N, C-alpha and C. Protein backbone atom coordinates (compact mmCIF):
# COMPACT_ATOMS: atom_id res chain seq x y z
N PRO A 1 24.74 19.61 16.60
CA PRO A 1 24.95 20.38 15.30
C PRO A 1 26.05 21.22 15.56
N PRO A 2 26.80 21.52 14.33
CA PRO A 2 28.15 22.47 14.57
C PRO A 2 27.52 23.88 14.69
N ALA A 3 28.46 24.64 15.51
CA ALA A 3 28.02 26.14 15.66
C ALA A 3 28.01 26.83 14.38
N LEU A 4 27.55 27.94 14.37
CA LEU A 4 27.51 28.71 13.18
C LEU A 4 28.69 29.15 12.54
N ASP A 5 29.62 29.36 13.49
CA ASP A 5 30.85 29.97 12.87
C ASP A 5 31.69 28.59 12.26
N GLU A 6 31.22 27.56 12.25
CA GLU A 6 31.86 26.30 11.79
C GLU A 6 31.28 25.96 10.45
N VAL A 7 30.49 26.50 10.23
CA VAL A 7 29.58 26.20 9.03
C VAL A 7 30.29 26.94 7.61
N GLY A 8 30.68 28.05 7.97
CA GLY A 8 31.36 28.81 6.89
C GLY A 8 30.46 29.64 5.86
N VAL A 9 30.81 29.99 4.83
CA VAL A 9 29.86 30.86 3.80
C VAL A 9 28.98 29.80 3.18
N ASP A 10 27.70 29.92 3.25
CA ASP A 10 26.68 28.99 2.39
C ASP A 10 25.96 29.85 1.76
N PRO A 11 25.90 30.32 0.42
CA PRO A 11 25.22 31.21 -0.19
C PRO A 11 23.72 30.83 -0.19
N VAL A 12 22.73 31.90 0.08
CA VAL A 12 21.46 31.80 0.11
C VAL A 12 20.93 31.25 -1.48
N LYS A 13 20.20 30.09 -1.53
CA LYS A 13 19.61 30.06 -2.93
C LYS A 13 17.93 30.50 -3.00
N VAL A 14 17.39 30.20 -2.02
CA VAL A 14 16.01 30.50 -1.83
C VAL A 14 15.37 31.00 -0.72
N ARG A 15 14.69 32.08 -0.70
CA ARG A 15 14.04 32.42 0.63
C ARG A 15 12.56 32.82 0.55
N LEU A 16 11.85 32.29 1.60
CA LEU A 16 10.23 32.40 1.49
C LEU A 16 9.86 33.36 2.68
N ASP A 17 9.14 34.29 2.24
CA ASP A 17 8.64 35.37 3.20
C ASP A 17 7.12 34.92 3.20
N PHE A 18 6.54 34.76 4.51
CA PHE A 18 5.07 34.55 4.66
C PHE A 18 4.55 35.71 5.24
N GLY A 19 3.74 36.34 4.61
CA GLY A 19 2.95 37.30 5.20
C GLY A 19 1.61 36.86 5.57
N ASN A 20 0.69 37.98 5.93
CA ASN A 20 -0.63 37.60 6.22
C ASN A 20 -1.58 37.23 5.04
N GLN A 21 -1.23 37.74 3.84
CA GLN A 21 -1.99 37.48 2.73
C GLN A 21 -1.37 36.69 1.73
N VAL A 22 -0.06 36.92 1.44
CA VAL A 22 0.61 36.45 0.43
C VAL A 22 1.99 35.57 0.85
N THR A 23 2.40 34.81 0.13
CA THR A 23 3.79 34.18 0.39
C THR A 23 4.64 34.49 -0.94
N VAL A 24 5.86 34.94 -0.49
CA VAL A 24 6.66 35.50 -1.60
C VAL A 24 8.12 34.52 -1.55
N MET A 25 8.37 34.17 -2.66
CA MET A 25 9.61 33.18 -2.93
C MET A 25 10.86 33.98 -3.67
N TYR A 26 11.87 34.15 -3.03
CA TYR A 26 12.96 34.71 -3.93
C TYR A 26 13.81 33.70 -4.16
N THR A 27 14.45 33.72 -5.40
CA THR A 27 15.32 32.82 -5.83
C THR A 27 16.76 33.62 -6.29
N PHE A 28 17.94 33.09 -5.83
CA PHE A 28 19.14 33.95 -6.25
C PHE A 28 20.15 32.81 -7.14
N GLU A 29 20.39 33.37 -8.12
CA GLU A 29 21.28 32.57 -9.15
C GLU A 29 21.97 33.56 -9.92
N ASP A 30 23.37 33.42 -9.82
CA ASP A 30 24.42 34.33 -10.76
C ASP A 30 24.23 35.85 -10.37
N MET A 31 24.04 36.22 -9.05
CA MET A 31 23.87 37.53 -8.83
C MET A 31 22.54 38.23 -9.16
N VAL A 32 21.73 37.25 -9.57
CA VAL A 32 20.27 37.66 -10.22
C VAL A 32 19.17 37.16 -9.27
N ALA A 33 18.37 38.05 -8.81
CA ALA A 33 17.22 37.48 -7.79
C ALA A 33 15.88 37.72 -8.56
N THR A 34 15.26 36.60 -8.29
CA THR A 34 13.77 36.50 -9.25
C THR A 34 13.01 36.44 -7.91
N VAL A 35 11.71 36.99 -7.96
CA VAL A 35 10.82 37.16 -7.12
C VAL A 35 9.35 36.75 -7.72
N LYS A 36 8.67 35.83 -6.96
CA LYS A 36 7.27 35.67 -7.39
C LYS A 36 6.48 35.07 -6.14
N VAL A 37 4.97 35.32 -6.39
CA VAL A 37 4.13 34.94 -5.31
C VAL A 37 3.82 33.50 -5.50
N VAL A 38 3.77 32.92 -4.38
CA VAL A 38 3.55 31.22 -4.39
C VAL A 38 2.47 30.99 -3.35
N SER A 39 1.87 29.90 -3.73
CA SER A 39 0.86 29.19 -2.71
C SER A 39 1.61 28.61 -1.45
N ALA A 40 0.98 29.27 -0.23
CA ALA A 40 1.68 28.61 1.06
C ALA A 40 1.21 27.17 1.01
N LEU A 41 0.12 26.69 0.42
CA LEU A 41 -0.23 25.35 0.53
C LEU A 41 0.58 24.37 -0.32
N ASP A 42 0.93 24.92 -1.32
CA ASP A 42 1.88 24.46 -2.29
C ASP A 42 3.23 24.13 -1.84
N VAL A 43 3.71 25.23 -0.97
CA VAL A 43 5.13 25.02 -0.16
C VAL A 43 4.99 23.94 0.87
N ALA A 44 3.90 23.97 1.62
CA ALA A 44 3.73 22.75 2.62
C ALA A 44 3.57 21.44 1.96
N HIS A 45 2.88 21.26 0.69
CA HIS A 45 2.91 20.02 0.14
C HIS A 45 4.43 19.52 -0.22
N SER A 46 5.07 20.45 -0.92
CA SER A 46 6.39 20.25 -1.50
C SER A 46 7.35 19.91 -0.41
N LEU A 47 7.32 20.55 0.82
CA LEU A 47 8.07 20.11 1.92
C LEU A 47 7.56 18.77 2.55
N SER A 48 6.37 18.42 2.56
CA SER A 48 5.92 17.25 3.29
C SER A 48 6.10 16.04 2.50
N ASP A 49 6.31 16.25 1.21
CA ASP A 49 6.42 15.28 -0.01
C ASP A 49 7.93 14.56 0.47
N GLU A 50 8.87 15.28 0.89
CA GLU A 50 10.02 15.10 1.43
C GLU A 50 10.20 14.35 2.54
N LEU A 51 9.13 14.23 3.32
CA LEU A 51 9.24 13.53 4.73
C LEU A 51 8.57 12.30 4.56
N SER A 52 9.13 11.32 5.21
CA SER A 52 8.58 9.86 5.32
C SER A 52 8.36 9.56 6.56
N PHE A 53 7.14 9.30 7.18
CA PHE A 53 7.09 8.95 8.51
C PHE A 53 5.71 8.17 8.75
N SER A 54 5.62 7.38 9.93
CA SER A 54 4.47 6.26 9.89
C SER A 54 3.93 6.79 11.35
N SER A 55 2.54 6.41 11.48
CA SER A 55 1.98 6.34 12.90
C SER A 55 2.54 5.08 13.66
N GLN A 56 1.90 4.82 14.82
CA GLN A 56 1.86 3.56 15.51
C GLN A 56 0.85 2.76 14.80
N ILE A 57 0.98 1.51 15.34
CA ILE A 57 -0.25 0.57 14.99
C ILE A 57 -1.53 0.94 15.83
N PHE A 58 -2.56 1.36 15.24
CA PHE A 58 -3.78 1.55 15.94
C PHE A 58 -4.73 0.34 16.43
N PRO A 59 -5.30 0.60 17.66
CA PRO A 59 -6.11 -0.47 18.09
C PRO A 59 -7.42 -0.49 17.67
N ARG A 60 -7.99 0.24 16.62
CA ARG A 60 -9.15 0.22 16.22
C ARG A 60 -9.25 -1.03 15.21
N LYS A 61 -10.57 -1.26 14.98
CA LYS A 61 -10.60 -2.53 14.04
C LYS A 61 -10.11 -2.76 12.61
N ASP A 62 -10.46 -1.55 12.04
CA ASP A 62 -10.16 -1.68 10.74
C ASP A 62 -8.96 -0.85 9.99
N ILE A 63 -8.44 0.12 10.61
CA ILE A 63 -7.36 1.06 10.28
C ILE A 63 -6.11 0.51 11.11
N LEU A 64 -5.11 -0.01 10.35
CA LEU A 64 -4.02 -0.59 11.17
C LEU A 64 -2.91 0.64 11.38
N TRP A 65 -2.40 1.35 10.31
CA TRP A 65 -1.74 2.47 10.60
C TRP A 65 -1.77 3.38 9.35
N TRP A 66 -1.21 4.49 9.32
CA TRP A 66 -0.80 5.39 7.99
C TRP A 66 0.60 5.68 8.12
N THR A 67 1.05 6.10 6.73
CA THR A 67 2.38 6.56 6.54
C THR A 67 2.36 7.61 5.34
N ASN A 68 3.17 8.34 5.85
CA ASN A 68 3.19 9.63 4.85
C ASN A 68 4.61 9.29 3.95
N THR A 69 4.54 9.29 2.68
CA THR A 69 5.76 9.11 1.77
C THR A 69 5.74 10.10 0.72
N ARG A 70 6.78 10.04 0.05
CA ARG A 70 6.97 11.07 -1.26
C ARG A 70 5.91 10.89 -2.01
N ARG A 71 5.38 9.65 -2.29
CA ARG A 71 4.40 9.39 -3.20
C ARG A 71 3.06 9.67 -2.67
N GLY A 72 2.94 10.15 -1.52
CA GLY A 72 1.54 10.56 -0.83
C GLY A 72 1.29 9.65 0.30
N PRO A 73 0.26 9.85 1.10
CA PRO A 73 -0.24 9.13 2.16
C PRO A 73 -0.69 7.73 1.82
N ILE A 74 -0.34 6.66 2.81
CA ILE A 74 -0.57 5.26 2.74
C ILE A 74 -1.55 4.99 3.78
N VAL A 75 -2.40 4.32 3.57
CA VAL A 75 -3.54 3.79 4.72
C VAL A 75 -3.42 2.31 4.78
N ALA A 76 -3.10 1.50 5.76
CA ALA A 76 -3.11 0.08 5.87
C ALA A 76 -4.42 -0.08 6.42
N ILE A 77 -5.18 -0.99 5.67
CA ILE A 77 -6.34 -1.41 6.28
C ILE A 77 -6.57 -2.98 6.50
N TRP A 78 -7.20 -3.49 7.65
CA TRP A 78 -7.27 -4.89 7.99
C TRP A 78 -8.48 -5.43 7.51
N GLU A 79 -8.52 -6.57 7.08
CA GLU A 79 -9.59 -7.33 6.90
C GLU A 79 -9.53 -8.68 7.65
N GLU A 80 -10.60 -8.85 8.25
CA GLU A 80 -10.60 -9.98 9.18
C GLU A 80 -10.75 -11.29 8.33
N PRO A 81 -10.07 -12.50 9.06
CA PRO A 81 -10.39 -13.81 8.26
C PRO A 81 -11.87 -14.12 8.31
N LYS A 82 -12.31 -14.65 6.94
CA LYS A 82 -13.51 -14.93 6.86
C LYS A 82 -13.83 -15.75 5.37
N VAL A 83 -14.95 -16.28 5.17
CA VAL A 83 -14.97 -17.13 3.91
C VAL A 83 -15.48 -16.12 2.82
N ARG A 84 -14.85 -15.96 1.81
CA ARG A 84 -15.13 -14.89 0.90
C ARG A 84 -15.31 -15.64 -0.56
N LYS A 85 -16.14 -14.98 -1.50
CA LYS A 85 -16.38 -15.27 -2.88
C LYS A 85 -15.41 -14.71 -3.89
N PHE A 86 -14.87 -15.33 -4.94
CA PHE A 86 -14.14 -14.91 -5.86
C PHE A 86 -14.67 -15.43 -7.23
N ALA A 87 -14.29 -14.63 -8.20
CA ALA A 87 -14.48 -15.00 -9.60
C ALA A 87 -13.19 -15.08 -10.58
N LEU A 88 -12.88 -16.34 -10.79
CA LEU A 88 -11.52 -16.52 -11.65
C LEU A 88 -11.98 -16.49 -13.14
N GLN A 89 -11.51 -15.63 -13.93
CA GLN A 89 -11.91 -15.34 -15.20
C GLN A 89 -10.44 -16.30 -15.96
N GLU A 90 -10.67 -17.30 -16.24
CA GLU A 90 -9.49 -18.14 -16.96
C GLU A 90 -9.51 -18.05 -18.55
N ARG A 91 -10.62 -17.68 -19.37
CA ARG A 91 -10.76 -17.57 -20.62
C ARG A 91 -11.40 -16.29 -20.81
N ALA A 92 -10.96 -15.54 -21.78
CA ALA A 92 -11.45 -13.99 -22.05
C ALA A 92 -13.17 -14.11 -22.40
N MET A 93 -13.61 -15.13 -23.07
CA MET A 93 -14.73 -15.16 -23.53
C MET A 93 -15.65 -16.21 -22.83
N GLY A 94 -15.01 -16.87 -21.75
CA GLY A 94 -15.83 -17.94 -20.97
C GLY A 94 -16.43 -17.53 -19.89
N GLU A 95 -17.09 -18.34 -19.24
CA GLU A 95 -17.72 -18.04 -17.99
C GLU A 95 -16.74 -17.99 -16.80
N PRO A 96 -16.54 -17.17 -15.93
CA PRO A 96 -15.60 -17.39 -14.97
C PRO A 96 -16.17 -18.37 -13.78
N ARG A 97 -14.98 -19.05 -13.18
CA ARG A 97 -15.24 -19.97 -12.18
C ARG A 97 -15.44 -19.18 -10.94
N ARG A 98 -16.22 -19.63 -10.23
CA ARG A 98 -16.75 -19.28 -8.71
C ARG A 98 -16.13 -19.96 -7.67
N PHE A 99 -15.59 -19.38 -6.80
CA PHE A 99 -14.96 -19.99 -5.51
C PHE A 99 -15.64 -19.30 -4.30
N THR A 100 -15.92 -20.22 -3.28
CA THR A 100 -16.41 -19.62 -2.04
C THR A 100 -15.29 -20.33 -1.05
N ILE A 101 -14.50 -19.56 -0.57
CA ILE A 101 -13.24 -20.26 0.26
C ILE A 101 -12.73 -19.42 1.32
N PRO A 102 -12.30 -19.89 2.61
CA PRO A 102 -11.85 -19.16 3.59
C PRO A 102 -10.62 -18.65 3.13
N MET A 103 -10.35 -17.20 3.74
CA MET A 103 -9.17 -16.55 3.57
C MET A 103 -8.67 -16.16 4.95
N PRO A 104 -7.25 -16.00 5.03
CA PRO A 104 -6.80 -15.43 6.54
C PRO A 104 -6.96 -13.98 6.58
N GLY A 105 -6.61 -13.43 7.62
CA GLY A 105 -6.62 -11.93 7.64
C GLY A 105 -5.78 -11.38 6.65
N LEU A 106 -6.10 -10.11 6.25
CA LEU A 106 -5.59 -9.69 4.96
C LEU A 106 -5.17 -8.16 5.37
N ILE A 107 -4.01 -7.65 4.97
CA ILE A 107 -3.62 -6.27 5.21
C ILE A 107 -3.68 -5.49 3.75
N PHE A 108 -4.26 -4.46 3.47
CA PHE A 108 -4.28 -3.89 2.27
C PHE A 108 -3.48 -2.33 2.58
N LEU A 109 -2.70 -2.21 1.74
CA LEU A 109 -1.90 -0.88 1.70
C LEU A 109 -2.63 0.06 0.50
N THR A 110 -3.42 0.99 0.91
CA THR A 110 -4.29 1.65 0.05
C THR A 110 -3.79 3.17 -0.14
N GLN A 111 -4.09 3.61 -1.53
CA GLN A 111 -4.10 4.97 -1.83
C GLN A 111 -5.34 5.34 -2.66
N GLY A 112 -5.95 6.48 -2.57
CA GLY A 112 -7.18 6.51 -3.10
C GLY A 112 -6.93 6.59 -4.90
N GLY A 113 -7.81 5.72 -5.40
CA GLY A 113 -7.91 5.45 -6.72
C GLY A 113 -6.81 4.72 -7.34
N GLN A 114 -6.22 3.89 -6.39
CA GLN A 114 -4.86 2.99 -6.91
C GLN A 114 -5.15 1.53 -6.49
N PRO A 115 -4.57 0.76 -7.35
CA PRO A 115 -4.62 -0.64 -6.84
C PRO A 115 -3.89 -0.95 -5.70
N PRO A 116 -4.43 -1.64 -4.90
CA PRO A 116 -3.72 -1.94 -3.47
C PRO A 116 -2.50 -2.97 -3.55
N TRP A 117 -1.78 -2.96 -2.40
CA TRP A 117 -0.60 -3.97 -2.18
C TRP A 117 -1.73 -4.90 -1.18
N VAL A 118 -1.34 -6.07 -1.12
CA VAL A 118 -2.38 -6.99 -0.33
C VAL A 118 -1.20 -8.28 0.29
N TYR A 119 -1.38 -8.27 1.63
CA TYR A 119 -0.48 -9.37 2.37
C TYR A 119 -1.52 -9.89 3.33
N ALA A 120 -0.90 -11.27 3.90
CA ALA A 120 -1.66 -11.80 4.81
C ALA A 120 -1.16 -12.11 6.13
N THR A 121 -1.90 -12.16 7.26
CA THR A 121 -1.22 -12.45 8.50
C THR A 121 -2.11 -13.52 9.26
N LYS A 122 -1.60 -13.97 10.21
CA LYS A 122 -2.12 -15.30 10.90
C LYS A 122 -3.04 -14.47 12.22
N ARG A 123 -2.91 -13.30 12.48
CA ARG A 123 -3.68 -12.52 13.42
C ARG A 123 -3.48 -11.05 13.06
N ARG A 124 -4.35 -10.32 13.80
CA ARG A 124 -4.33 -8.92 13.53
C ARG A 124 -3.03 -8.23 14.08
N PRO A 125 -2.22 -7.56 13.39
CA PRO A 125 -0.89 -7.19 13.83
C PRO A 125 -1.28 -6.17 15.07
N ILE A 126 -0.20 -6.33 16.06
CA ILE A 126 -0.16 -5.54 17.18
C ILE A 126 1.17 -4.81 17.14
N LYS A 127 2.22 -5.31 16.75
CA LYS A 127 3.60 -4.70 16.70
C LYS A 127 4.14 -4.72 15.42
N PRO A 128 5.28 -3.81 15.17
CA PRO A 128 6.13 -3.80 13.85
C PRO A 128 6.63 -5.34 13.80
N ALA A 129 7.09 -6.00 14.62
CA ALA A 129 7.93 -7.23 14.54
C ALA A 129 6.98 -8.35 14.04
N ASP A 130 5.61 -8.18 14.18
CA ASP A 130 4.74 -9.26 13.55
C ASP A 130 4.92 -9.61 12.12
N LEU A 131 4.83 -11.02 11.90
CA LEU A 131 5.09 -11.53 10.59
C LEU A 131 4.03 -11.26 9.62
N VAL A 132 4.42 -11.09 8.31
CA VAL A 132 3.52 -10.86 7.29
C VAL A 132 3.88 -11.95 6.18
N TYR A 133 2.69 -12.39 5.74
CA TYR A 133 2.96 -13.48 4.62
C TYR A 133 2.55 -13.26 3.26
N GLN A 134 2.85 -13.89 2.30
CA GLN A 134 2.16 -13.79 0.90
C GLN A 134 0.67 -14.08 0.91
N ALA A 135 -0.24 -13.25 0.43
CA ALA A 135 -1.56 -13.37 0.24
C ALA A 135 -1.87 -14.73 -0.73
N PRO A 136 -2.66 -15.44 -0.36
CA PRO A 136 -2.92 -16.83 -1.21
C PRO A 136 -4.01 -16.23 -2.03
N LEU A 137 -3.54 -15.45 -2.94
CA LEU A 137 -4.63 -14.82 -4.07
C LEU A 137 -3.84 -14.70 -5.61
N CYS A 138 -4.74 -14.70 -6.45
CA CYS A 138 -4.31 -14.40 -7.79
C CYS A 138 -4.23 -12.98 -8.12
N ASN A 139 -3.71 -12.57 -9.07
CA ASN A 139 -3.39 -11.17 -9.52
C ASN A 139 -2.32 -10.33 -8.73
N LEU A 140 -1.61 -10.99 -8.17
CA LEU A 140 -0.63 -10.27 -7.12
C LEU A 140 0.72 -10.64 -7.48
N PHE A 141 1.65 -9.66 -7.55
CA PHE A 141 3.09 -10.03 -7.75
C PHE A 141 3.83 -10.31 -6.40
N ALA A 142 5.09 -10.65 -6.51
CA ALA A 142 5.56 -11.24 -5.16
C ALA A 142 5.72 -10.13 -4.17
N ASP A 143 6.06 -8.99 -4.52
CA ASP A 143 6.12 -7.97 -3.68
C ASP A 143 5.04 -7.28 -2.89
N GLY A 144 3.65 -7.97 -3.59
CA GLY A 144 2.43 -7.87 -2.99
C GLY A 144 1.66 -6.65 -3.84
N ARG A 145 2.23 -6.23 -4.70
CA ARG A 145 1.50 -5.39 -5.54
C ARG A 145 0.40 -6.07 -6.50
N SER A 146 -0.72 -5.44 -6.50
CA SER A 146 -1.80 -6.16 -7.29
C SER A 146 -1.82 -5.80 -8.69
N CYS A 147 -2.23 -6.53 -9.69
CA CYS A 147 -2.54 -6.39 -11.09
C CYS A 147 -3.83 -5.93 -11.40
N PRO A 148 -4.11 -4.52 -11.67
CA PRO A 148 -5.75 -4.20 -11.83
C PRO A 148 -6.09 -4.66 -13.03
N GLY A 149 -5.37 -4.88 -14.09
CA GLY A 149 -5.98 -4.94 -15.48
C GLY A 149 -6.87 -3.93 -15.83
N SER A 150 -8.18 -4.01 -16.13
CA SER A 150 -9.06 -2.88 -16.42
C SER A 150 -9.64 -2.50 -15.51
N HIS A 151 -9.62 -3.06 -14.11
CA HIS A 151 -10.47 -2.68 -12.96
C HIS A 151 -10.12 -1.12 -12.50
N LYS A 152 -11.01 -0.45 -12.16
CA LYS A 152 -10.81 0.90 -11.65
C LYS A 152 -11.20 0.84 -10.26
N TYR A 153 -10.29 1.42 -9.43
CA TYR A 153 -10.54 1.71 -7.95
C TYR A 153 -10.93 3.05 -7.52
N PRO A 154 -11.98 2.91 -6.39
CA PRO A 154 -12.44 4.15 -6.03
C PRO A 154 -11.47 4.90 -5.26
N MET A 155 -11.67 6.37 -5.11
CA MET A 155 -10.89 7.22 -4.53
C MET A 155 -10.95 7.00 -2.91
N ALA A 156 -12.10 6.78 -2.49
CA ALA A 156 -12.40 6.49 -1.03
C ALA A 156 -11.68 5.26 -0.75
N ILE A 157 -10.60 5.35 0.13
CA ILE A 157 -9.74 4.23 0.60
C ILE A 157 -10.67 3.12 1.37
N GLY A 158 -11.57 3.48 2.11
CA GLY A 158 -12.55 2.62 2.82
C GLY A 158 -12.91 1.53 1.75
N GLN A 159 -13.32 1.88 0.33
CA GLN A 159 -13.87 1.10 -0.50
C GLN A 159 -13.10 0.03 -1.10
N ILE A 160 -11.80 0.38 -0.96
CA ILE A 160 -10.90 -0.43 -2.04
C ILE A 160 -10.73 -1.73 -1.79
N PRO A 161 -10.64 -2.30 -0.50
CA PRO A 161 -10.79 -3.85 -0.23
C PRO A 161 -12.05 -4.38 -0.88
N ASP A 162 -13.19 -3.87 -0.86
CA ASP A 162 -14.41 -4.55 -1.40
C ASP A 162 -14.42 -4.42 -2.96
N SER A 163 -13.83 -3.38 -3.31
CA SER A 163 -13.60 -3.21 -4.77
C SER A 163 -12.71 -4.34 -5.36
N PHE A 164 -11.69 -4.56 -4.50
CA PHE A 164 -10.72 -5.82 -4.96
C PHE A 164 -11.39 -7.05 -4.93
N PHE A 165 -12.04 -7.36 -3.93
CA PHE A 165 -12.69 -8.59 -3.98
C PHE A 165 -13.71 -8.88 -4.90
N ARG A 166 -14.41 -7.71 -5.41
CA ARG A 166 -15.58 -7.84 -6.44
C ARG A 166 -14.89 -7.92 -7.94
N SER A 167 -13.69 -7.65 -7.90
CA SER A 167 -12.98 -7.51 -9.35
C SER A 167 -12.92 -9.17 -9.79
N PHE A 168 -12.62 -9.19 -11.05
CA PHE A 168 -12.45 -10.65 -11.81
C PHE A 168 -11.24 -10.91 -11.54
N PHE A 169 -10.74 -12.31 -11.16
CA PHE A 169 -9.39 -12.48 -11.06
C PHE A 169 -9.09 -13.16 -12.09
N SER A 170 -7.87 -13.37 -12.38
CA SER A 170 -7.18 -14.20 -13.58
C SER A 170 -5.87 -14.94 -13.23
N ALA A 171 -5.57 -15.82 -13.94
CA ALA A 171 -4.43 -16.76 -13.57
C ALA A 171 -3.10 -15.98 -13.99
N THR A 172 -2.98 -14.68 -13.60
CA THR A 172 -1.83 -13.91 -14.17
C THR A 172 -0.87 -13.47 -12.93
N ALA A 173 -0.13 -12.60 -13.10
CA ALA A 173 1.01 -12.12 -12.17
C ALA A 173 1.99 -13.43 -11.64
N GLU A 174 1.85 -13.44 -10.33
CA GLU A 174 2.75 -14.65 -9.77
C GLU A 174 2.13 -15.54 -8.99
N LEU A 175 1.62 -16.70 -9.54
CA LEU A 175 0.90 -17.58 -8.96
C LEU A 175 1.75 -18.62 -7.96
N GLY A 176 2.77 -18.53 -8.07
CA GLY A 176 3.52 -19.47 -7.29
C GLY A 176 4.20 -18.98 -5.99
N ASN A 177 4.65 -19.81 -5.12
CA ASN A 177 5.05 -19.35 -3.83
C ASN A 177 4.04 -18.73 -2.78
N ARG A 178 2.90 -19.00 -3.05
CA ARG A 178 1.79 -18.66 -2.17
C ARG A 178 1.23 -19.58 -1.28
N SER A 179 1.63 -20.83 -1.45
CA SER A 179 1.06 -21.91 -0.64
C SER A 179 2.31 -22.98 -0.47
N GLN A 180 2.21 -23.53 0.81
CA GLN A 180 3.23 -24.61 1.22
C GLN A 180 2.65 -25.98 0.47
N LYS A 181 1.46 -26.19 0.46
CA LYS A 181 0.72 -27.41 -0.16
C LYS A 181 0.90 -27.53 -1.62
N PHE A 182 0.57 -26.02 -2.38
CA PHE A 182 0.60 -25.89 -3.68
C PHE A 182 1.59 -24.85 -4.11
N PRO A 183 2.86 -25.16 -3.97
CA PRO A 183 3.69 -24.08 -4.20
C PRO A 183 3.94 -23.57 -5.66
N GLN A 184 3.41 -24.16 -6.60
CA GLN A 184 3.41 -23.75 -8.17
C GLN A 184 2.33 -23.08 -8.49
N ASN A 185 1.27 -23.30 -8.02
CA ASN A 185 0.06 -22.48 -8.50
C ASN A 185 -0.98 -22.24 -7.43
N VAL A 186 -1.41 -21.12 -6.99
CA VAL A 186 -2.29 -20.78 -5.94
C VAL A 186 -3.70 -21.22 -6.26
N VAL A 187 -4.14 -21.18 -7.60
CA VAL A 187 -5.40 -21.81 -7.94
C VAL A 187 -5.63 -23.24 -7.63
N HIS A 188 -4.54 -23.97 -7.44
CA HIS A 188 -4.86 -25.41 -6.99
C HIS A 188 -5.11 -25.15 -5.33
N LEU A 189 -4.61 -24.34 -4.50
CA LEU A 189 -4.99 -24.10 -3.50
C LEU A 189 -6.50 -23.86 -3.18
N TRP A 190 -7.03 -22.65 -4.14
CA TRP A 190 -8.41 -22.64 -4.01
C TRP A 190 -9.24 -23.71 -4.48
N GLU A 191 -9.06 -24.62 -5.24
CA GLU A 191 -9.72 -25.68 -5.43
C GLU A 191 -9.66 -26.79 -4.52
N PHE A 192 -8.73 -26.56 -3.55
CA PHE A 192 -8.55 -27.52 -2.20
C PHE A 192 -9.41 -26.88 -1.36
N LEU A 193 -9.37 -25.57 -1.05
CA LEU A 193 -10.19 -24.90 -0.16
C LEU A 193 -11.82 -24.79 -0.38
N ALA A 194 -12.18 -25.05 -1.36
CA ALA A 194 -13.55 -25.17 -1.81
C ALA A 194 -14.33 -25.69 -0.90
N GLY A 195 -15.23 -24.94 -0.38
CA GLY A 195 -16.22 -25.57 0.65
C GLY A 195 -15.75 -25.59 2.09
N LYS A 196 -14.68 -25.40 2.37
CA LYS A 196 -14.05 -25.45 3.85
C LYS A 196 -14.57 -24.07 4.33
N LYS A 197 -14.30 -24.17 5.70
CA LYS A 197 -14.87 -23.01 6.65
C LYS A 197 -13.63 -22.18 7.18
N THR A 198 -12.52 -22.72 7.34
CA THR A 198 -11.34 -22.04 7.81
C THR A 198 -10.07 -22.17 6.99
N TYR A 199 -9.37 -21.26 7.07
CA TYR A 199 -8.06 -21.28 6.25
C TYR A 199 -6.84 -22.02 7.26
N PRO A 200 -6.09 -22.84 6.52
CA PRO A 200 -5.17 -23.45 7.09
C PRO A 200 -3.85 -22.62 7.44
N MET A 201 -3.47 -21.89 8.37
CA MET A 201 -2.53 -20.86 8.68
C MET A 201 -1.28 -21.36 8.35
N SER A 202 -1.02 -22.63 8.63
CA SER A 202 0.29 -23.17 8.57
C SER A 202 0.78 -23.34 6.99
N ASP A 203 -0.07 -23.17 6.12
CA ASP A 203 0.16 -23.03 4.74
C ASP A 203 0.65 -21.80 4.10
N LEU A 204 0.64 -20.82 4.93
CA LEU A 204 1.03 -19.37 4.61
C LEU A 204 2.57 -19.53 4.37
N VAL A 205 3.01 -18.73 3.21
CA VAL A 205 4.47 -18.47 3.08
C VAL A 205 4.77 -17.19 3.53
N LYS A 206 5.96 -17.21 4.13
CA LYS A 206 6.46 -15.85 4.83
C LYS A 206 6.95 -15.02 3.62
N HIS A 207 6.59 -13.59 4.14
CA HIS A 207 6.74 -12.35 3.24
C HIS A 207 7.91 -11.54 4.01
N GLY A 208 7.65 -11.11 5.18
CA GLY A 208 8.43 -10.40 5.79
C GLY A 208 7.89 -9.94 7.22
N THR A 209 7.94 -8.79 7.64
CA THR A 209 7.44 -8.14 8.90
C THR A 209 6.38 -6.98 8.46
N VAL A 210 5.69 -6.70 9.74
CA VAL A 210 4.92 -5.31 9.50
C VAL A 210 5.80 -4.24 9.43
N ARG A 211 6.79 -4.10 10.10
CA ARG A 211 7.95 -3.22 9.96
C ARG A 211 8.18 -2.88 8.44
N ASP A 212 8.43 -3.90 7.58
CA ASP A 212 8.74 -3.72 6.27
C ASP A 212 7.75 -3.05 5.40
N LEU A 213 6.36 -3.41 5.78
CA LEU A 213 5.33 -2.70 5.23
C LEU A 213 5.16 -1.17 5.54
N MET A 214 5.46 -0.87 6.71
CA MET A 214 5.34 0.41 7.31
C MET A 214 6.47 1.43 6.68
N GLN A 215 7.46 0.86 6.21
CA GLN A 215 8.70 1.61 5.62
C GLN A 215 8.71 1.51 4.15
N MET A 216 7.58 1.10 3.47
CA MET A 216 7.27 1.10 2.03
C MET A 216 6.76 2.27 1.45
N GLU A 217 7.17 2.54 0.22
CA GLU A 217 6.53 3.65 -0.47
C GLU A 217 6.18 2.93 -1.59
N VAL A 218 4.64 2.59 -1.68
CA VAL A 218 4.18 2.04 -2.61
C VAL A 218 3.90 2.91 -3.92
N GLY A 219 3.73 2.35 -4.83
CA GLY A 219 3.59 3.14 -6.14
C GLY A 219 3.43 2.24 -7.41
N ARG A 220 3.08 2.69 -8.52
CA ARG A 220 2.77 1.86 -9.86
C ARG A 220 4.29 1.93 -10.58
């Protein structure tokens, strides 16, 4: 860093004084000083909002990593490969179609009360260079963002994946480019998988890497 004598004159715009009981903020503009008492917690939140950083990938079963962003903290949750049940609402007034189909492992990028971003992997990620794939699901856009419709998500992030699976899916968002075998419409893949026990990992369509997800700032 440059020495202090190399910086030159840099007028003070804001000064914070942290006391035992109160925090005082001084602002200086056009030779006029303004003084106000502020919350130390609000100051900390304002500063942390400008910092984006991520943890390492955790070895525990369910939580993969967390990231602090200007939009707030993001927690990546891992859902193991398994046979899952889905309800596909194709007509507003009709009965939903029910599917029981195998799914690959899924990554959910979650924030309390917000629709998740969802991706697929062939195995539980262990390093940032691991590949990430398009999730073979309806209600998702190409970037992984989910379309909630009228569905409301809980504030507890651990409940968000289950809330996602229990929601009604529709043939909306971007149905293409989610399957090698059925590139035009992922619903055809669901029909093909009905009654099967394992997901064909070779059918997944590449999206990027875990590092890409760790550097994202999700939001609506």
